[in-house]
Amino acid sequence: MNDDIFTYRDILKKKFLKKLKKYCAYQERCHFDVNKKLHQLKADEELANEIISELINENYLNEQRFALAYVRGKHRINKWGKNRILNELKKRNISAYLIQKSLEEITETEYKMALLHLLEVKNKTIKAKNIYERKQKLFSYAYAKGYETDLINEIIEDIFSHYDST
C-alpha cells in the first residue's frame, strides 16, 4: 500500500486538528471546551480522542494552564469571587486538585481589595430608601459575583463604618 494515499478519515483529522490548533492558540482551552467544539464539528468519539491526545502532546491543551488563566482572568478582569470561579471550573470537569491550586494564586489581600473596590463602585450607583436596603443590594450583588457571605458582610461593615464615623 502506498503511504501517499490518505483516507477520508485522515483528511478529516488533519482538517479538524488545524481548526483546533487555532482554537486553542487563540486562548487557553480545557478538554471540555475542545470536546464540545469537536462535537459541533461532528467528529466521532474515537477521532475526538485522537485529536485531543495530539493537542496535549503538542502542548496546545493543558488543563493546569487553563485553570490558572481562567482563575486569573475571571478574578482580575470580571471581579468574580472564588465560589463562582469554582462552580464554573467544576462545570468544565476540571479536577478538584487543579481548582484548589489555581484558586491559591489569588492572595487574600488581592481578593479582599477586589471585593472592596467592587462594592465601593457599586455603592455609588445604588438607589435605596435606607441603609439596610443599600446593604442588602450590595450583599446580593457580591453574592451573585461569587464572594463568600462572611467576607461580604465584613467588607460591607467596613464600608459603612467609614460613613458612620464621618
C-alpha atoms as a PDB file:
ATOM      1  CA  MET A   1       0.000   0.000   0.000  1.00  0.00           C
ATOM      2  CA  ASN A   2       1.257   3.451  -0.910  1.00  0.00           C
ATOM      3  CA  ASP A   3       1.882   5.839   2.049  1.00  0.00           C
ATOM      4  CA  ASP A   4       0.808   8.820  -0.075  1.00  0.00           C
ATOM      5  CA  ILE A   5      -2.785   7.648  -0.141  1.00  0.00           C
ATOM      6  CA  PHE A   6      -4.876   9.325   2.540  1.00  0.00           C
ATOM      7  CA  THR A   7      -8.215   8.098   3.717  1.00  0.00           C
ATOM      8  CA  TYR A   8     -11.171  10.408   4.214  1.00  0.00           C
ATOM      9  CA  ARG A   9     -10.664   9.977   7.970  1.00  0.00           C
ATOM     10  CA  ASP A  10      -7.018  11.137   7.711  1.00  0.00           C
ATOM     11  CA  ILE A  11      -8.068  14.212   5.748  1.00  0.00           C
ATOM     12  CA  LEU A  12     -10.824  14.947   8.257  1.00  0.00           C
ATOM     13  CA  LYS A  13      -8.418  14.512  11.179  1.00  0.00           C
ATOM     14  CA  LYS A  14      -5.919  16.886   9.603  1.00  0.00           C
ATOM     15  CA  LYS A  15      -8.660  19.459   8.945  1.00  0.00           C
ATOM     16  CA  PHE A  16     -10.064  19.229  12.487  1.00  0.00           C
ATOM     17  CA  LEU A  17      -6.591  19.324  14.015  1.00  0.00           C
ATOM     18  CA  LYS A  18      -5.768  22.514  12.130  1.00  0.00           C
ATOM     19  CA  LYS A  19      -9.015  24.145  13.325  1.00  0.00           C
ATOM     20  CA  LEU A  20      -8.496  23.019  16.908  1.00  0.00           C
ATOM     21  CA  LYS A  21      -4.898  24.238  16.994  1.00  0.00           C
ATOM     22  CA  LYS A  22      -6.133  27.702  16.017  1.00  0.00           C
ATOM     23  CA  TYR A  23      -8.954  27.419  18.550  1.00  0.00           C
ATOM     24  CA  CYS A  24      -6.520  26.513  21.345  1.00  0.00           C
ATOM     25  CA  ALA A  25      -3.896  29.064  20.301  1.00  0.00           C
ATOM     26  CA  TYR A  26      -6.427  31.903  20.437  1.00  0.00           C
ATOM     27  CA  GLN A  27      -6.983  31.443  24.189  1.00  0.00           C
ATOM     28  CA  GLU A  28      -6.465  28.736  26.795  1.00  0.00           C
ATOM     29  CA  ARG A  29      -8.981  25.907  26.469  1.00  0.00           C
ATOM     30  CA  CYS A  30      -9.832  22.890  28.571  1.00  0.00           C
ATOM     31  CA  HIS A  31     -10.680  19.350  27.436  1.00  0.00           C
ATOM     32  CA  PHE A  32     -14.385  20.070  27.960  1.00  0.00           C
ATOM     33  CA  ASP A  33     -14.305  23.067  25.570  1.00  0.00           C
ATOM     34  CA  VAL A  34     -12.335  21.151  22.941  1.00  0.00           C
ATOM     35  CA  ASN A  35     -14.652  18.142  23.200  1.00  0.00           C
ATOM     36  CA  LYS A  36     -17.652  20.440  22.768  1.00  0.00           C
ATOM     37  CA  LYS A  37     -16.064  22.013  19.684  1.00  0.00           C
ATOM     38  CA  LEU A  38     -15.277  18.599  18.207  1.00  0.00           C
ATOM     39  CA  HIS A  39     -18.862  17.530  18.829  1.00  0.00           C
ATOM     40  CA  GLN A  40     -20.034  20.641  16.929  1.00  0.00           C
ATOM     41  CA  LEU A  41     -17.728  19.642  14.082  1.00  0.00           C
ATOM     42  CA  LYS A  42     -19.399  16.187  14.098  1.00  0.00           C
ATOM     43  CA  ALA A  43     -16.227  14.280  14.983  1.00  0.00           C
ATOM     44  CA  ASP A  44     -16.803  10.762  16.299  1.00  0.00           C
ATOM     45  CA  GLU A  45     -15.541   9.882  19.788  1.00  0.00           C
ATOM     46  CA  GLU A  46     -12.503   7.947  18.596  1.00  0.00           C
ATOM     47  CA  LEU A  47     -11.370  10.764  16.307  1.00  0.00           C
ATOM     48  CA  ALA A  48     -12.024  13.329  19.051  1.00  0.00           C
ATOM     49  CA  ASN A  49      -9.845  11.369  21.481  1.00  0.00           C
ATOM     50  CA  GLU A  50      -7.024  11.117  18.936  1.00  0.00           C
ATOM     51  CA  ILE A  51      -7.156  14.871  18.276  1.00  0.00           C
ATOM     52  CA  ILE A  52      -7.236  15.724  21.981  1.00  0.00           C
ATOM     53  CA  SER A  53      -4.226  13.450  22.591  1.00  0.00           C
ATOM     54  CA  GLU A  54      -2.314  15.147  19.819  1.00  0.00           C
ATOM     55  CA  LEU A  55      -3.216  18.619  21.135  1.00  0.00           C
ATOM     56  CA  ILE A  56      -1.973  17.616  24.588  1.00  0.00           C
ATOM     57  CA  ASN A  57       1.259  16.149  23.193  1.00  0.00           C
ATOM     58  CA  GLU A  58       1.920  19.326  21.213  1.00  0.00           C
ATOM     59  CA  ASN A  59       1.088  21.437  24.304  1.00  0.00           C
ATOM     60  CA  TYR A  60      -1.891  23.202  22.767  1.00  0.00           C
ATOM     61  CA  LEU A  61      -4.081  21.803  25.510  1.00  0.00           C
ATOM     62  CA  ASN A  62      -3.125  21.883  29.186  1.00  0.00           C
ATOM     63  CA  GLU A  63      -5.723  21.730  31.985  1.00  0.00           C
ATOM     64  CA  GLN A  64      -3.426  23.270  34.605  1.00  0.00           C
ATOM     65  CA  ARG A  65      -2.536  26.202  32.378  1.00  0.00           C
ATOM     66  CA  PHE A  66      -6.225  26.648  31.530  1.00  0.00           C
ATOM     67  CA  ALA A  67      -7.304  26.625  35.188  1.00  0.00           C
ATOM     68  CA  LEU A  68      -4.664  29.204  36.161  1.00  0.00           C
ATOM     69  CA  ALA A  69      -5.545  31.505  33.264  1.00  0.00           C
ATOM     70  CA  TYR A  70      -9.261  31.124  33.953  1.00  0.00           C
ATOM     71  CA  VAL A  71      -8.881  31.982  37.644  1.00  0.00           C
ATOM     72  CA  ARG A  72      -6.661  34.996  36.941  1.00  0.00           C
ATOM     73  CA  GLY A  73      -8.894  36.328  34.195  1.00  0.00           C
ATOM     74  CA  LYS A  74     -12.228  35.851  35.899  1.00  0.00           C
ATOM     75  CA  HIS A  75     -10.983  37.312  39.169  1.00  0.00           C
ATOM     76  CA  ARG A  76      -8.895  40.220  37.892  1.00  0.00           C
ATOM     77  CA  ILE A  77     -10.993  41.221  34.897  1.00  0.00           C
ATOM     78  CA  ASN A  78     -14.555  40.130  35.747  1.00  0.00           C
ATOM     79  CA  LYS A  79     -14.098  40.554  39.525  1.00  0.00           C
ATOM     80  CA  TRP A  80     -15.614  37.136  40.226  1.00  0.00           C
ATOM     81  CA  GLY A  81     -15.387  35.575  43.662  1.00  0.00           C
ATOM     82  CA  LYS A  82     -13.950  32.135  44.400  1.00  0.00           C
ATOM     83  CA  ASN A  83     -17.359  30.420  44.643  1.00  0.00           C
ATOM     84  CA  ARG A  84     -18.389  31.411  41.135  1.00  0.00           C
ATOM     85  CA  ILE A  85     -14.981  30.540  39.680  1.00  0.00           C
ATOM     86  CA  LEU A  86     -15.057  27.174  41.460  1.00  0.00           C
ATOM     87  CA  ASN A  87     -18.522  26.356  40.095  1.00  0.00           C
ATOM     88  CA  GLU A  88     -17.592  27.347  36.539  1.00  0.00           C
ATOM     89  CA  LEU A  89     -14.435  25.205  36.644  1.00  0.00           C
ATOM     90  CA  LYS A  90     -16.438  22.260  38.002  1.00  0.00           C
ATOM     91  CA  LYS A  91     -18.835  22.628  35.047  1.00  0.00           C
ATOM     92  CA  ARG A  92     -15.812  22.193  32.789  1.00  0.00           C
ATOM     93  CA  ASN A  93     -14.767  18.992  34.618  1.00  0.00           C
ATOM     94  CA  ILE A  94     -11.542  20.451  35.998  1.00  0.00           C
ATOM     95  CA  SER A  95     -10.188  18.320  38.855  1.00  0.00           C
ATOM     96  CA  ALA A  96     -10.683  19.474  42.447  1.00  0.00           C
ATOM     97  CA  TYR A  97      -6.898  19.484  42.904  1.00  0.00           C
ATOM     98  CA  LEU A  98      -6.318  21.826  39.937  1.00  0.00           C
ATOM     99  CA  ILE A  99      -9.162  24.091  41.059  1.00  0.00           C
ATOM    100  CA  GLN A 100      -7.711  24.374  44.548  1.00  0.00           C
ATOM    101  CA  LYS A 101      -4.175  25.001  43.253  1.00  0.00           C
ATOM    102  CA  SER A 102      -5.409  27.637  40.829  1.00  0.00           C
ATOM    103  CA  LEU A 103      -7.504  29.457  43.432  1.00  0.00           C
ATOM    104  CA  GLU A 104      -4.419  29.662  45.666  1.00  0.00           C
ATOM    105  CA  GLU A 105      -2.993  32.073  43.077  1.00  0.00           C
ATOM    106  CA  ILE A 106      -5.325  34.776  44.411  1.00  0.00           C
ATOM    107  CA  THR A 107      -3.825  36.309  47.523  1.00  0.00           C
ATOM    108  CA  GLU A 108      -6.124  37.119  50.438  1.00  0.00           C
ATOM    109  CA  THR A 109      -5.191  40.804  50.228  1.00  0.00           C
ATOM    110  CA  GLU A 110      -5.847  40.974  46.486  1.00  0.00           C
ATOM    111  CA  TYR A 111      -9.162  39.178  46.976  1.00  0.00           C
ATOM    112  CA  LYS A 112     -10.385  41.490  49.732  1.00  0.00           C
ATOM    113  CA  MET A 113      -9.252  44.605  47.861  1.00  0.00           C
ATOM    114  CA  ALA A 114     -11.096  43.474  44.734  1.00  0.00           C
ATOM    115  CA  LEU A 115     -14.313  43.000  46.694  1.00  0.00           C
ATOM    116  CA  LEU A 116     -13.883  46.318  48.487  1.00  0.00           C
ATOM    117  CA  HIS A 117     -13.360  48.159  45.199  1.00  0.00           C
ATOM    118  CA  LEU A 118     -16.286  46.323  43.574  1.00  0.00           C
ATOM    119  CA  LEU A 119     -18.657  47.254  46.403  1.00  0.00           C
ATOM    120  CA  GLU A 120     -17.466  50.861  46.654  1.00  0.00           C
ATOM    121  CA  VAL A 121     -18.119  51.380  42.941  1.00  0.00           C
ATOM    122  CA  LYS A 122     -21.497  49.620  43.129  1.00  0.00           C
ATOM    123  CA  ASN A 123     -22.461  51.613  46.231  1.00  0.00           C
ATOM    124  CA  LYS A 124     -22.268  54.834  44.217  1.00  0.00           C
ATOM    125  CA  THR A 125     -24.829  53.563  41.698  1.00  0.00           C
ATOM    126  CA  ILE A 126     -27.383  52.052  44.087  1.00  0.00           C
ATOM    127  CA  LYS A 127     -30.666  53.780  44.754  1.00  0.00           C
ATOM    128  CA  ALA A 128     -32.023  52.741  48.149  1.00  0.00           C
ATOM    129  CA  LYS A 129     -34.551  54.091  50.627  1.00  0.00           C
ATOM    130  CA  ASN A 130     -32.368  53.370  53.649  1.00  0.00           C
ATOM    131  CA  ILE A 131     -29.037  51.936  54.744  1.00  0.00           C
ATOM    132  CA  TYR A 132     -30.469  48.424  55.250  1.00  0.00           C
ATOM    133  CA  GLU A 133     -31.791  48.268  51.706  1.00  0.00           C
ATOM    134  CA  ARG A 134     -28.446  49.588  50.434  1.00  0.00           C
ATOM    135  CA  LYS A 135     -26.529  46.924  52.363  1.00  0.00           C
ATOM    136  CA  GLN A 136     -28.884  44.213  51.101  1.00  0.00           C
ATOM    137  CA  LYS A 137     -28.402  45.297  47.484  1.00  0.00           C
ATOM    138  CA  LEU A 138     -24.628  45.339  47.927  1.00  0.00           C
ATOM    139  CA  PHE A 139     -24.730  41.907  49.551  1.00  0.00           C
ATOM    140  CA  SER A 140     -26.847  40.437  46.737  1.00  0.00           C
ATOM    141  CA  TYR A 141     -24.546  41.912  44.108  1.00  0.00           C
ATOM    142  CA  ALA A 142     -21.375  40.499  45.712  1.00  0.00           C
ATOM    143  CA  TYR A 143     -23.022  37.143  46.386  1.00  0.00           C
ATOM    144  CA  ALA A 144     -24.028  36.847  42.717  1.00  0.00           C
ATOM    145  CA  LYS A 145     -20.406  37.570  41.789  1.00  0.00           C
ATOM    146  CA  GLY A 146     -19.388  34.532  43.857  1.00  0.00           C
ATOM    147  CA  TYR A 147     -17.952  36.001  47.043  1.00  0.00           C
ATOM    148  CA  GLU A 148     -18.329  34.301  50.424  1.00  0.00           C
ATOM    149  CA  THR A 149     -21.051  35.577  52.761  1.00  0.00           C
ATOM    150  CA  ASP A 150     -18.747  36.208  55.756  1.00  0.00           C
ATOM    151  CA  LEU A 151     -16.332  38.243  53.651  1.00  0.00           C
ATOM    152  CA  ILE A 152     -19.151  40.215  52.028  1.00  0.00           C
ATOM    153  CA  ASN A 153     -20.593  41.123  55.430  1.00  0.00           C
ATOM    154  CA  GLU A 154     -17.131  42.094  56.720  1.00  0.00           C
ATOM    155  CA  ILE A 155     -16.426  44.386  53.751  1.00  0.00           C
ATOM    156  CA  ILE A 156     -19.908  45.949  53.844  1.00  0.00           C
ATOM    157  CA  GLU A 157     -19.470  46.723  57.534  1.00  0.00           C
ATOM    158  CA  ASP A 158     -16.049  48.247  56.803  1.00  0.00           C
ATOM    159  CA  ILE A 159     -17.546  50.460  54.085  1.00  0.00           C
ATOM    160  CA  PHE A 160     -20.382  51.671  56.264  1.00  0.00           C
ATOM    161  CA  SER A 161     -18.234  52.129  59.377  1.00  0.00           C
ATOM    162  CA  HIS A 162     -16.471  54.912  57.413  1.00  0.00           C
ATOM    163  CA  TYR A 163     -19.831  56.547  56.697  1.00  0.00           C
ATOM    164  CA  ASP A 164     -20.932  56.238  60.339  1.00  0.00           C
ATOM    165  CA  SER A 165     -17.735  57.843  61.655  1.00  0.00           C
ATOM    166  CA  THR A 166     -17.975  60.913  59.380  1.00  0.00           C
END
